[in-house]
PDB file of N, CA and C in Angstrom:
ATOM      1  N   MET A   1      18.007  72.798 128.500  1.00  0.00           N
ATOM      2  CA  MET A   1      18.642  73.592 129.535  1.00  0.00           C
ATOM      3  C   MET A   1      20.151  73.383 129.444  1.00  0.00           C
ATOM      4  N   ARG A   2      20.866  74.457 129.501  1.00  0.00           N
ATOM      5  CA  ARG A   2      22.322  74.367 129.454  1.00  0.00           C
ATOM      6  C   ARG A   2      22.843  73.825 130.773  1.00  0.00           C
ATOM      7  N   PHE A   3      24.041  73.219 130.696  1.00  0.00           N
ATOM      8  CA  PHE A   3      24.632  72.586 131.874  1.00  0.00           C
ATOM      9  C   PHE A   3      24.836  73.588 133.006  1.00  0.00           C
ATOM     10  N   ILE A   4      25.333  74.765 132.688  1.00  0.00           N
ATOM     11  CA  ILE A   4      25.605  75.749 133.745  1.00  0.00           C
ATOM     12  C   ILE A   4      24.314  76.176 134.438  1.00  0.00           C
ATOM     13  N   GLU A   5      23.201  76.240 133.696  1.00  0.00           N
ATOM     14  CA  GLU A   5      21.924  76.593 134.313  1.00  0.00           C
ATOM     15  C   GLU A   5      21.378  75.447 135.150  1.00  0.00           C
ATOM     16  N   PHE A   6      21.798  74.216 134.825  1.00  0.00           N
ATOM     17  CA  PHE A   6      21.396  73.084 135.653  1.00  0.00           C
ATOM     18  C   PHE A   6      22.085  73.159 137.004  1.00  0.00           C
ATOM     19  N   ILE A   7      23.373  73.473 136.981  1.00  0.00           N
ATOM     20  CA  ILE A   7      24.141  73.573 138.228  1.00  0.00           C
ATOM     21  C   ILE A   7      23.778  74.848 138.981  1.00  0.00           C
ATOM     22  N   PHE A   8      23.728  75.966 138.274  1.00  0.00           N
ATOM     23  CA  PHE A   8      23.405  77.262 138.879  1.00  0.00           C
ATOM     24  C   PHE A   8      22.139  77.815 138.241  1.00  0.00           C
ATOM     25  N   PRO A   9      20.974  77.417 138.767  1.00  0.00           N
ATOM     26  CA  PRO A   9      19.715  77.909 138.200  1.00  0.00           C
ATOM     27  C   PRO A   9      19.640  79.435 138.285  1.00  0.00           C
ATOM     28  N   PRO A  10      18.854  80.056 137.403  1.00  0.00           N
ATOM     29  CA  PRO A  10      18.716  81.511 137.476  1.00  0.00           C
ATOM     30  C   PRO A  10      18.107  81.941 138.812  1.00  0.00           C
ATOM     31  N   ASP A  11      18.261  83.202 139.104  1.00  0.00           N
ATOM     32  CA  ASP A  11      17.767  83.757 140.368  1.00  0.00           C
ATOM     33  C   ASP A  11      16.277  83.458 140.526  1.00  0.00           C
ATOM     34  N   PRO A  12      15.913  82.698 141.553  1.00  0.00           N
ATOM     35  CA  PRO A  12      14.508  82.311 141.716  1.00  0.00           C
ATOM     36  C   PRO A  12      13.617  83.437 142.206  1.00  0.00           C
ATOM     37  N   ARG A  13      14.218  84.529 142.627  1.00  0.00           N
ATOM     38  CA  ARG A  13      13.413  85.631 143.165  1.00  0.00           C
ATOM     39  C   ARG A  13      12.665  86.398 142.085  1.00  0.00           C
ATOM     40  N   SER A  14      12.901  86.019 140.807  1.00  0.00           N
ATOM     41  CA  SER A  14      12.216  86.710 139.706  1.00  0.00           C
ATOM     42  C   SER A  14      10.908  86.026 139.311  1.00  0.00           C
ATOM     43  N   VAL A  15      10.561  84.925 139.981  1.00  0.00           N
ATOM     44  CA  VAL A  15       9.323  84.213 139.648  1.00  0.00           C
ATOM     45  C   VAL A  15       8.380  84.217 140.840  1.00  0.00           C
ATOM     46  N   GLY A  16       7.111  83.997 140.554  1.00  0.00           N
ATOM     47  CA  GLY A  16       6.133  83.850 141.633  1.00  0.00           C
ATOM     48  C   GLY A  16       5.945  85.109 142.439  1.00  0.00           C
ATOM     49  N   SER A  17       5.442  84.898 143.654  1.00  0.00           N
ATOM     50  CA  SER A  17       5.187  86.027 144.552  1.00  0.00           C
ATOM     51  C   SER A  17       6.043  85.884 145.802  1.00  0.00           C
ATOM     52  N   ASP A  18       6.214  87.007 146.473  1.00  0.00           N
ATOM     53  CA  ASP A  18       7.010  86.991 147.696  1.00  0.00           C
ATOM     54  C   ASP A  18       6.307  86.146 148.755  1.00  0.00           C
ATOM     55  N   PRO A  19       7.008  85.128 149.273  1.00  0.00           N
ATOM     56  CA  PRO A  19       6.402  84.293 150.310  1.00  0.00           C
ATOM     57  C   PRO A  19       6.551  84.938 151.680  1.00  0.00           C
ATOM     58  N   ASP A  20       5.977  84.305 152.654  1.00  0.00           N
ATOM     59  CA  ASP A  20       6.203  84.702 154.044  1.00  0.00           C
ATOM     60  C   ASP A  20       7.710  84.685 154.266  1.00  0.00           C
ATOM     61  N   TYR A  21       8.271  85.765 154.774  1.00  0.00           N
ATOM     62  CA  TYR A  21       9.713  85.891 154.900  1.00  0.00           C
ATOM     63  C   TYR A  21      10.337  84.783 155.751  1.00  0.00           C
ATOM     64  N   ARG A  22       9.546  84.183 156.645  1.00  0.00           N
ATOM     65  CA  ARG A  22      10.092  83.112 157.486  1.00  0.00           C
ATOM     66  C   ARG A  22      10.515  81.905 156.662  1.00  0.00           C
ATOM     67  N   PHE A  23       9.778  81.613 155.591  1.00  0.00           N
ATOM     68  CA  PHE A  23      10.150  80.491 154.726  1.00  0.00           C
ATOM     69  C   PHE A  23      11.437  80.790 153.973  1.00  0.00           C
ATOM     70  N   THR A  24      11.554  82.015 153.480  1.00  0.00           N
ATOM     71  CA  THR A  24      12.771  82.412 152.776  1.00  0.00           C
ATOM     72  C   THR A  24      13.974  82.363 153.712  1.00  0.00           C
ATOM     73  N   LEU A  25      13.811  82.861 154.913  1.00  0.00           N
ATOM     74  CA  LEU A  25      14.916  82.852 155.877  1.00  0.00           C
ATOM     75  C   LEU A  25      15.285  81.428 156.296  1.00  0.00           C
ATOM     76  N   ALA A  26      14.303  80.572 156.450  1.00  0.00           N
ATOM     77  CA  ALA A  26      14.586  79.171 156.795  1.00  0.00           C
ATOM     78  C   ALA A  26      15.350  78.487 155.662  1.00  0.00           C
ATOM     79  N   ASN A  27      14.966  78.764 154.426  1.00  0.00           N
ATOM     80  CA  ASN A  27      15.663  78.203 153.276  1.00  0.00           C
ATOM     81  C   ASN A  27      17.107  78.711 153.229  1.00  0.00           C
ATOM     82  N   GLU A  28      17.284  79.978 153.524  1.00  0.00           N
ATOM     83  CA  GLU A  28      18.631  80.553 153.538  1.00  0.00           C
ATOM     84  C   GLU A  28      19.479  79.944 154.660  1.00  0.00           C
ATOM     85  N   ARG A  29      18.891  79.733 155.826  1.00  0.00           N
ATOM     86  CA  ARG A  29      19.634  79.097 156.928  1.00  0.00           C
ATOM     87  C   ARG A  29      20.073  77.689 156.558  1.00  0.00           C
ATOM     88  N   THR A  30      19.213  76.962 155.848  1.00  0.00           N
ATOM     89  CA  THR A  30      19.566  75.622 155.403  1.00  0.00           C
ATOM     90  C   THR A  30      20.740  75.686 154.428  1.00  0.00           C
ATOM     91  N   PHE A  31      20.692  76.622 153.490  1.00  0.00           N
ATOM     92  CA  PHE A  31      21.798  76.816 152.556  1.00  0.00           C
ATOM     93  C   PHE A  31      23.093  77.097 153.311  1.00  0.00           C
ATOM     94  N   LEU A  32      23.029  78.008 154.272  1.00  0.00           N
ATOM     95  CA  LEU A  32      24.227  78.348 155.037  1.00  0.00           C
ATOM     96  C   LEU A  32      24.729  77.162 155.864  1.00  0.00           C
ATOM     97  N   SER A  33      23.831  76.299 156.312  1.00  0.00           N
ATOM     98  CA  SER A  33      24.247  75.090 157.036  1.00  0.00           C
ATOM     99  C   SER A  33      25.042  74.158 156.136  1.00  0.00           C
ATOM    100  N   TRP A  34      24.594  74.013 154.880  1.00  0.00           N
ATOM    101  CA  TRP A  34      25.347  73.166 153.938  1.00  0.00           C
ATOM    102  C   TRP A  34      26.716  73.775 153.647  1.00  0.00           C
ATOM    103  N   ILE A  35      26.783  75.090 153.521  1.00  0.00           N
ATOM    104  CA  ILE A  35      28.063  75.754 153.278  1.00  0.00           C
ATOM    105  C   ILE A  35      28.974  75.593 154.494  1.00  0.00           C
ATOM    106  N   ARG A  36      28.421  75.735 155.684  1.00  0.00           N
ATOM    107  CA  ARG A  36      29.209  75.548 156.906  1.00  0.00           C
ATOM    108  C   ARG A  36      29.721  74.117 157.009  1.00  0.00           C
ATOM    109  N   THR A  37      28.891  73.151 156.644  1.00  0.00           N
ATOM    110  CA  THR A  37      29.312  71.750 156.635  1.00  0.00           C
ATOM    111  C   THR A  37      30.446  71.548 155.641  1.00  0.00           C
ATOM    112  N   SER A  38      30.335  72.156 154.481  1.00  0.00           N
ATOM    113  CA  SER A  38      31.392  72.057 153.470  1.00  0.00           C
ATOM    114  C   SER A  38      32.701  72.637 153.980  1.00  0.00           C
ATOM    115  N   LEU A  39      32.624  73.784 154.626  1.00  0.00           N
ATOM    116  CA  LEU A  39      33.820  74.418 155.164  1.00  0.00           C
ATOM    117  C   LEU A  39      34.468  73.546 156.237  1.00  0.00           C
ATOM    118  N   ALA A  40      33.656  72.919 157.079  1.00  0.00           N
ATOM    119  CA  ALA A  40      34.191  72.017 158.105  1.00  0.00           C
ATOM    120  C   ALA A  40      34.860  70.800 157.464  1.00  0.00           C
ATOM    121  N   LEU A  41      34.270  70.290 156.389  1.00  0.00           N
ATOM    122  CA  LEU A  41      34.877  69.154 155.690  1.00  0.00           C
ATOM    123  C   LEU A  41      36.201  69.554 155.039  1.00  0.00           C
ATOM    124  N   VAL A  42      36.268  70.750 154.476  1.00  0.00           N
ATOM    125  CA  VAL A  42      37.533  71.228 153.896  1.00  0.00           C
ATOM    126  C   VAL A  42      38.600  71.296 154.984  1.00  0.00           C
ATOM    127  N   ALA A  43      38.246  71.867 156.121  1.00  0.00           N
ATOM    128  CA  ALA A  43      39.210  71.960 157.226  1.00  0.00           C
ATOM    129  C   ALA A  43      39.633  70.572 157.694  1.00  0.00           C
ATOM    130  N   GLY A  44      38.681  69.655 157.789  1.00  0.00           N
ATOM    131  CA  GLY A  44      39.009  68.294 158.214  1.00  0.00           C
ATOM    132  C   GLY A  44      39.873  67.557 157.211  1.00  0.00           C
ATOM    133  N   GLY A  45      39.572  67.710 155.928  1.00  0.00           N
ATOM    134  CA  GLY A  45      40.359  67.043 154.899  1.00  0.00           C
ATOM    135  C   GLY A  45      41.785  67.560 154.849  1.00  0.00           C
ATOM    136  N   LEU A  46      41.936  68.884 154.858  1.00  0.00           N
ATOM    137  CA  LEU A  46      43.281  69.460 154.856  1.00  0.00           C
ATOM    138  C   LEU A  46      44.012  69.160 156.156  1.00  0.00           C
ATOM    139  N   GLY A  47      43.277  69.215 157.257  1.00  0.00           N
ATOM    140  CA  GLY A  47      43.884  68.902 158.556  1.00  0.00           C
ATOM    141  C   GLY A  47      44.381  67.472 158.624  1.00  0.00           C
ATOM    142  N   ALA A  48      43.620  66.544 158.088  1.00  0.00           N
ATOM    143  CA  ALA A  48      44.042  65.142 158.094  1.00  0.00           C
ATOM    144  C   ALA A  48      45.334  64.967 157.300  1.00  0.00           C
ATOM    145  N   ILE A  49      45.402  65.612 156.157  1.00  0.00           N
ATOM    146  CA  ILE A  49      46.595  65.481 155.312  1.00  0.00           C
ATOM    147  C   ILE A  49      47.819  66.085 155.995  1.00  0.00           C
ATOM    148  N   VAL A  50      47.655  67.227 156.645  1.00  0.00           N
ATOM    149  CA  VAL A  50      48.792  67.925 157.254  1.00  0.00           C
ATOM    150  C   VAL A  50      49.171  67.315 158.602  1.00  0.00           C
ATOM    151  N   VAL A  51      48.194  67.106 159.467  1.00  0.00           N
ATOM    152  CA  VAL A  51      48.475  66.656 160.835  1.00  0.00           C
ATOM    153  C   VAL A  51      48.843  65.173 160.882  1.00  0.00           C
ATOM    154  N   LEU A  52      48.195  64.373 160.064  1.00  0.00           N
ATOM    155  CA  LEU A  52      48.431  62.925 160.089  1.00  0.00           C
ATOM    156  C   LEU A  52      49.342  62.487 158.939  1.00  0.00           C
ATOM    157  N   ALA A  53      50.298  63.334 158.588  1.00  0.00           N
ATOM    158  CA  ALA A  53      51.163  63.066 157.438  1.00  0.00           C
ATOM    159  C   ALA A  53      51.934  61.754 157.569  1.00  0.00           C
ATOM    160  N   ASP A  54      52.166  61.281 158.789  1.00  0.00           N
ATOM    161  CA  ASP A  54      52.945  60.050 158.973  1.00  0.00           C
ATOM    162  C   ASP A  54      52.092  58.780 158.862  1.00  0.00           C
ATOM    163  N   VAL A  55      50.772  58.920 158.711  1.00  0.00           N
ATOM    164  CA  VAL A  55      49.893  57.764 158.547  1.00  0.00           C
ATOM    165  C   VAL A  55      49.882  57.377 157.070  1.00  0.00           C
ATOM    166  N   ALA A  56      50.154  56.122 156.799  1.00  0.00           N
ATOM    167  CA  ALA A  56      50.211  55.644 155.417  1.00  0.00           C
ATOM    168  C   ALA A  56      48.841  55.779 154.742  1.00  0.00           C
ATOM    169  N   GLY A  57      48.805  56.382 153.566  1.00  0.00           N
ATOM    170  CA  GLY A  57      47.578  56.491 152.790  1.00  0.00           C
ATOM    171  C   GLY A  57      46.634  57.583 153.234  1.00  0.00           C
ATOM    172  N   ILE A  58      47.074  58.459 154.120  1.00  0.00           N
ATOM    173  CA  ILE A  58      46.169  59.500 154.638  1.00  0.00           C
ATOM    174  C   ILE A  58      45.716  60.451 153.532  1.00  0.00           C
ATOM    175  N   GLU A  59      46.516  60.552 152.466  1.00  0.00           N
ATOM    176  CA  GLU A  59      46.122  61.417 151.351  1.00  0.00           C
ATOM    177  C   GLU A  59      44.795  60.968 150.739  1.00  0.00           C
ATOM    178  N   ILE A  60      44.587  59.643 150.703  1.00  0.00           N
ATOM    179  CA  ILE A  60      43.331  59.105 150.173  1.00  0.00           C
ATOM    180  C   ILE A  60      42.154  59.607 151.002  1.00  0.00           C
ATOM    181  N   LEU A  61      42.300  59.521 152.309  1.00  0.00           N
ATOM    182  CA  LEU A  61      41.240  59.982 153.203  1.00  0.00           C
ATOM    183  C   LEU A  61      41.008  61.477 153.037  1.00  0.00           C
ATOM    184  N   GLY A  62      42.079  62.246 153.000  1.00  0.00           N
ATOM    185  CA  GLY A  62      41.954  63.692 152.848  1.00  0.00           C
ATOM    186  C   GLY A  62      41.268  64.078 151.555  1.00  0.00           C
ATOM    187  N   VAL A  63      41.617  63.405 150.473  1.00  0.00           N
ATOM    188  CA  VAL A  63      40.999  63.706 149.180  1.00  0.00           C
ATOM    189  C   VAL A  63      39.523  63.318 149.185  1.00  0.00           C
ATOM    190  N   LEU A  64      39.165  62.210 149.823  1.00  0.00           N
ATOM    191  CA  LEU A  64      37.749  61.824 149.917  1.00  0.00           C
ATOM    192  C   LEU A  64      36.948  62.875 150.683  1.00  0.00           C
ATOM    193  N   VAL A  65      37.513  63.361 151.772  1.00  0.00           N
ATOM    194  CA  VAL A  65      36.824  64.382 152.572  1.00  0.00           C
ATOM    195  C   VAL A  65      36.683  65.667 151.761  1.00  0.00           C
ATOM    196  N   LEU A  66      37.749  66.055 151.055  1.00  0.00           N
ATOM    197  CA  LEU A  66      37.675  67.259 150.230  1.00  0.00           C
ATOM    198  C   LEU A  66      36.675  67.102 149.084  1.00  0.00           C
ATOM    199  N   ALA A  67      36.593  65.918 148.503  1.00  0.00           N
ATOM    200  CA  ALA A  67      35.623  65.673 147.434  1.00  0.00           C
ATOM    201  C   ALA A  67      34.191  65.791 147.961  1.00  0.00           C
ATOM    202  N   LEU A  68      33.956  65.274 149.152  1.00  0.00           N
ATOM    203  CA  LEU A  68      32.628  65.388 149.754  1.00  0.00           C
ATOM    204  C   LEU A  68      32.298  66.858 150.042  1.00  0.00           C
ATOM    205  N   ALA A  69      33.292  67.621 150.470  1.00  0.00           N
ATOM    206  CA  ALA A  69      33.099  69.054 150.700  1.00  0.00           C
ATOM    207  C   ALA A  69      32.718  69.754 149.400  1.00  0.00           C
ATOM    208  N   PHE A  70      33.368  69.384 148.320  1.00  0.00           N
ATOM    209  CA  PHE A  70      33.077  69.977 147.011  1.00  0.00           C
ATOM    210  C   PHE A  70      31.642  69.667 146.584  1.00  0.00           C
ATOM    211  N   VAL A  71      31.224  68.432 146.773  1.00  0.00           N
ATOM    212  CA  VAL A  71      29.866  68.041 146.393  1.00  0.00           C
ATOM    213  C   VAL A  71      28.835  68.821 147.225  1.00  0.00           C
ATOM    214  N   ALA A  72      29.055  68.924 148.514  1.00  0.00           N
ATOM    215  CA  ALA A  72      28.108  69.638 149.372  1.00  0.00           C
ATOM    216  C   ALA A  72      28.038  71.116 149.012  1.00  0.00           C
ATOM    217  N   ALA A  73      29.192  71.739 148.829  1.00  0.00           N
ATOM    218  CA  ALA A  73      29.202  73.168 148.491  1.00  0.00           C
ATOM    219  C   ALA A  73      28.638  73.395 147.089  1.00  0.00           C
ATOM    220  N   GLY A  74      28.997  72.529 146.164  1.00  0.00           N
ATOM    221  CA  GLY A  74      28.539  72.679 144.796  1.00  0.00           C
ATOM    222  C   GLY A  74      27.046  72.461 144.631  1.00  0.00           C
ATOM    223  N   THR A  75      26.453  71.711 145.515  1.00  0.00           N
ATOM    224  CA  THR A  75      25.034  71.403 145.424  1.00  0.00           C
ATOM    225  C   THR A  75      24.181  72.369 146.260  1.00  0.00           C
ATOM    226  N   ALA A  76      24.784  73.045 147.207  1.00  0.00           N
ATOM    227  CA  ALA A  76      24.034  73.887 148.142  1.00  0.00           C
ATOM    228  C   ALA A  76      23.269  75.008 147.438  1.00  0.00           C
ATOM    229  N   TYR A  77      23.924  75.702 146.498  1.00  0.00           N
ATOM    230  CA  TYR A  77      23.231  76.812 145.829  1.00  0.00           C
ATOM    231  C   TYR A  77      22.061  76.295 145.007  1.00  0.00           C
ATOM    232  N   ARG A  78      22.289  75.206 144.271  1.00  0.00           N
ATOM    233  CA  ARG A  78      21.216  74.655 143.437  1.00  0.00           C
ATOM    234  C   ARG A  78      20.018  74.276 144.304  1.00  0.00           C
ATOM    235  N   ARG A  79      20.302  73.652 145.429  1.00  0.00           N
ATOM    236  CA  ARG A  79      19.225  73.247 146.333  1.00  0.00           C
ATOM    237  C   ARG A  79      18.474  74.473 146.857  1.00  0.00           C
ATOM    238  N   TRP A  80      19.221  75.509 147.258  1.00  0.00           N
ATOM    239  CA  TRP A  80      18.583  76.733 147.737  1.00  0.00           C
ATOM    240  C   TRP A  80      17.699  77.332 146.648  1.00  0.00           C
ATOM    241  N   ALA A  81      18.229  77.454 145.421  1.00  0.00           N
ATOM    242  CA  ALA A  81      17.492  78.079 144.331  1.00  0.00           C
ATOM    243  C   ALA A  81      16.228  77.293 143.972  1.00  0.00           C
ATOM    244  N   MET A  82      16.338  75.982 143.912  1.00  0.00           N
ATOM    245  CA  MET A  82      15.174  75.164 143.561  1.00  0.00           C
ATOM    246  C   MET A  82      14.103  75.242 144.662  1.00  0.00           C
ATOM    247  N   ASN A  83      14.535  75.231 145.919  1.00  0.00           N
ATOM    248  CA  ASN A  83      13.579  75.363 147.025  1.00  0.00           C
ATOM    249  C   ASN A  83      12.928  76.742 147.024  1.00  0.00           C
ATOM    250  N   GLU A  84      13.725  77.774 146.795  1.00  0.00           N
ATOM    251  CA  GLU A  84      13.187  79.148 146.779  1.00  0.00           C
ATOM    252  C   GLU A  84      12.162  79.303 145.658  1.00  0.00           C
ATOM    253  N   ARG A  85      12.457  78.735 144.509  1.00  0.00           N
ATOM    254  CA  ARG A  85      11.516  78.792 143.370  1.00  0.00           C
ATOM    255  C   ARG A  85      10.201  78.089 143.736  1.00  0.00           C
ATOM    256  N   ALA A  86      10.308  76.902 144.336  1.00  0.00           N
ATOM    257  CA  ALA A  86       9.113  76.159 144.715  1.00  0.00           C
ATOM    258  C   ALA A  86       8.292  76.924 145.756  1.00  0.00           C
ATOM    259  N   ILE A  87       8.964  77.530 146.709  1.00  0.00           N
ATOM    260  CA  ILE A  87       8.266  78.308 147.739  1.00  0.00           C
ATOM    261  C   ILE A  87       7.520  79.474 147.093  1.00  0.00           C
ATOM    262  N   ARG A  88       8.189  80.177 146.183  1.00  0.00           N
ATOM    263  CA  ARG A  88       7.578  81.340 145.545  1.00  0.00           C
ATOM    264  C   ARG A  88       6.413  80.973 144.630  1.00  0.00           C
ATOM    265  N   LEU A  89       6.454  79.779 144.064  1.00  0.00           N
ATOM    266  CA  LEU A  89       5.380  79.329 143.169  1.00  0.00           C
ATOM    267  C   LEU A  89       4.344  78.477 143.897  1.00  0.00           C
ATOM    268  N   ASP A  90       4.496  78.333 145.218  1.00  0.00           N
ATOM    269  CA  ASP A  90       3.584  77.536 146.038  1.00  0.00           C
ATOM    270  C   ASP A  90       3.477  76.101 145.511  1.00  0.00           C
ATOM    271  N   GLU A  91       4.645  75.519 145.201  1.00  0.00           N
ATOM    272  CA  GLU A  91       4.734  74.147 144.720  1.00  0.00           C
ATOM    273  C   GLU A  91       5.407  73.293 145.793  1.00  0.00           C
ATOM    274  N   PRO A  92       5.299  71.973 145.692  1.00  0.00           N
ATOM    275  CA  PRO A  92       6.024  71.113 146.636  1.00  0.00           C
ATOM    276  C   PRO A  92       7.535  71.293 146.455  1.00  0.00           C
ATOM    277  N   LEU A  93       8.253  71.149 147.544  1.00  0.00           N
ATOM    278  CA  LEU A  93       9.706  71.259 147.459  1.00  0.00           C
ATOM    279  C   LEU A  93      10.259  70.101 146.635  1.00  0.00           C
ATOM    280  N   PRO A  94      11.263  70.374 145.801  1.00  0.00           N
ATOM    281  CA  PRO A  94      11.837  69.302 144.988  1.00  0.00           C
ATOM    282  C   PRO A  94      12.624  68.335 145.871  1.00  0.00           C
ATOM    283  N   PRO A  95      12.684  67.074 145.464  1.00  0.00           N
ATOM    284  CA  PRO A  95      13.458  66.111 146.255  1.00  0.00           C
ATOM    285  C   PRO A  95      14.950  66.412 146.148  1.00  0.00           C
ATOM    286  N   SER A  96      15.695  65.996 147.146  1.00  0.00           N
ATOM    287  CA  SER A  96      17.140  66.216 147.159  1.00  0.00           C
ATOM    288  C   SER A  96      17.841  64.922 147.547  1.00  0.00           C
ATOM    289  N   VAL A  97      18.916  64.625 146.848  1.00  0.00           N
ATOM    290  CA  VAL A  97      19.722  63.443 147.184  1.00  0.00           C
ATOM    291  C   VAL A  97      20.907  63.821 148.066  1.00  0.00           C
ATOM    292  N   LEU A  98      21.075  65.113 148.342  1.00  0.00           N
ATOM    293  CA  LEU A  98      22.233  65.548 149.130  1.00  0.00           C
ATOM    294  C   LEU A  98      22.325  64.873 150.499  1.00  0.00           C
ATOM    295  N   PRO A  99      21.234  64.717 151.243  1.00  0.00           N
ATOM    296  CA  PRO A  99      21.367  64.014 152.526  1.00  0.00           C
ATOM    297  C   PRO A  99      21.869  62.570 152.373  1.00  0.00           C
ATOM    298  N   GLN A 100      21.394  61.869 151.340  1.00  0.00           N
ATOM    299  CA  GLN A 100      21.864  60.496 151.121  1.00  0.00           C
ATOM    300  C   GLN A 100      23.328  60.484 150.707  1.00  0.00           C
ATOM    301  N   VAL A 101      23.713  61.422 149.842  1.00  0.00           N
ATOM    302  CA  VAL A 101      25.118  61.508 149.410  1.00  0.00           C
ATOM    303  C   VAL A 101      26.023  61.777 150.608  1.00  0.00           C
ATOM    304  N   MET A 102      25.604  62.681 151.474  1.00  0.00           N
ATOM    305  CA  MET A 102      26.422  62.997 152.659  1.00  0.00           C
ATOM    306  C   MET A 102      26.506  61.792 153.590  1.00  0.00           C
ATOM    307  N   THR A 103      25.402  61.077 153.762  1.00  0.00           N
ATOM    308  CA  THR A 103      25.405  59.902 154.635  1.00  0.00           C
ATOM    309  C   THR A 103      26.346  58.834 154.116  1.00  0.00           C
ATOM    310  N   VAL A 104      26.228  58.518 152.833  1.00  0.00           N
ATOM    311  CA  VAL A 104      27.103  57.501 152.241  1.00  0.00           C
ATOM    312  C   VAL A 104      28.551  57.983 152.255  1.00  0.00           C
ATOM    313  N   GLY A 105      28.766  59.264 151.957  1.00  0.00           N
ATOM    314  CA  GLY A 105      30.120  59.818 151.943  1.00  0.00           C
ATOM    315  C   GLY A 105      30.792  59.753 153.304  1.00  0.00           C
ATOM    316  N   VAL A 106      30.086  60.142 154.332  1.00  0.00           N
ATOM    317  CA  VAL A 106      30.661  60.106 155.684  1.00  0.00           C
ATOM    318  C   VAL A 106      30.908  58.665 156.122  1.00  0.00           C
ATOM    319  N   ALA A 107      29.996  57.761 155.786  1.00  0.00           N
ATOM    320  CA  ALA A 107      30.207  56.342 156.125  1.00  0.00           C
ATOM    321  C   ALA A 107      31.432  55.800 155.402  1.00  0.00           C
ATOM    322  N   LEU A 108      31.597  56.148 154.142  1.00  0.00           N
ATOM    323  CA  LEU A 108      32.761  55.702 153.372  1.00  0.00           C
ATOM    324  C   LEU A 108      34.054  56.269 153.952  1.00  0.00           C
ATOM    325  N   ILE A 109      34.024  57.525 154.316  1.00  0.00           N
ATOM    326  CA  ILE A 109      35.204  58.152 154.923  1.00  0.00           C
ATOM    327  C   ILE A 109      35.547  57.470 156.243  1.00  0.00           C
ATOM    328  N   GLY A 110      34.540  57.166 157.046  1.00  0.00           N
ATOM    329  CA  GLY A 110      34.787  56.453 158.302  1.00  0.00           C
ATOM    330  C   GLY A 110      35.391  55.084 158.066  1.00  0.00           C
ATOM    331  N   LEU A 111      34.892  54.376 157.073  1.00  0.00           N
ATOM    332  CA  LEU A 111      35.425  53.058 156.736  1.00  0.00           C
ATOM    333  C   LEU A 111      36.876  53.153 156.271  1.00  0.00           C
ATOM    334  N   VAL A 112      37.171  54.103 155.413  1.00  0.00           N
ATOM    335  CA  VAL A 112      38.547  54.297 154.947  1.00  0.00           C
ATOM    336  C   VAL A 112      39.456  54.653 156.120  1.00  0.00           C
ATOM    337  N   ALA A 113      38.979  55.491 157.028  1.00  0.00           N
ATOM    338  CA  ALA A 113      39.791  55.873 158.192  1.00  0.00           C
ATOM    339  C   ALA A 113      40.127  54.659 159.055  1.00  0.00           C
ATOM    340  N   VAL A 114      39.151  53.792 159.279  1.00  0.00           N
ATOM    341  CA  VAL A 114      39.395  52.579 160.077  1.00  0.00           C
ATOM    342  C   VAL A 114      40.409  51.678 159.384  1.00  0.00           C
ATOM    343  N   VAL A 115      40.244  51.489 158.082  1.00  0.00           N
ATOM    344  CA  VAL A 115      41.179  50.636 157.329  1.00  0.00           C
ATOM    345  C   VAL A 115      42.586  51.224 157.392  1.00  0.00           C
ATOM    346  N   LEU A 116      42.712  52.526 157.204  1.00  0.00           N
ATOM    347  CA  LEU A 116      44.045  53.151 157.256  1.00  0.00           C
ATOM    348  C   LEU A 116      44.666  53.023 158.640  1.00  0.00           C
ATOM    349  N   LEU A 117      43.885  53.162 159.681  1.00  0.00           N
ATOM    350  CA  LEU A 117      44.417  53.017 161.034  1.00  0.00           C
ATOM    351  C   LEU A 117      44.859  51.584 161.311  1.00  0.00           C
ATOM    352  N   ILE A 118      44.100  50.613 160.820  1.00  0.00           N
ATOM    353  CA  ILE A 118      44.477  49.205 161.006  1.00  0.00           C
ATOM    354  C   ILE A 118      45.766  48.908 160.244  1.00  0.00           C
ATOM    355  N   VAL A 119      45.838  49.361 159.001  1.00  0.00           N
ATOM    356  CA  VAL A 119      47.028  49.119 158.191  1.00  0.00           C
ATOM    357  C   VAL A 119      48.238  49.835 158.801  1.00  0.00           C
ATOM    358  N   ASP A 120      48.049  51.038 159.298  1.00  0.00           N
ATOM    359  CA  ASP A 120      49.157  51.807 159.858  1.00  0.00           C
ATOM    360  C   ASP A 120      49.647  51.232 161.177  1.00  0.00           C
ATOM    361  N   SER A 121      48.769  50.557 161.914  1.00  0.00           N
ATOM    362  CA  SER A 121      49.172  50.035 163.229  1.00  0.00           C
ATOM    363  C   SER A 121      50.015  48.762 163.113  1.00  0.00           C
ATOM    364  N   ARG A 122      50.100  48.182 161.958  1.00  0.00           N
ATOM    365  CA  ARG A 122      50.886  46.950 161.780  1.00  0.00           C
ATOM    366  C   ARG A 122      52.337  47.226 161.625  1.00  0.00           C
TER     367      ARG A 122
END
């Protein structure tokens, strides 16, 4: 499998049979939730860099938030496509590491924010 097909799988609607539309719509809502989360992270990362410009090292925090946004947005389509394929083929949904990545990422961002605030308050 080529790398681009790994990241962006082919259109899953060409395999299997049409499922109950509620499953397809639920999968699409989940995809849109990940995209909305990514957009919020982009706004937060850019906002931190612009609004908190006087805090030492804030660029590090902003870049971490933007990187997490990139990972979430970049993974959302693949997750949607793989889930849609599984639904259409009546297979179990594939596992996803995105929730764990987001959890660790947000915890890391929180830790960096606390460290930057402590360092800046001195």
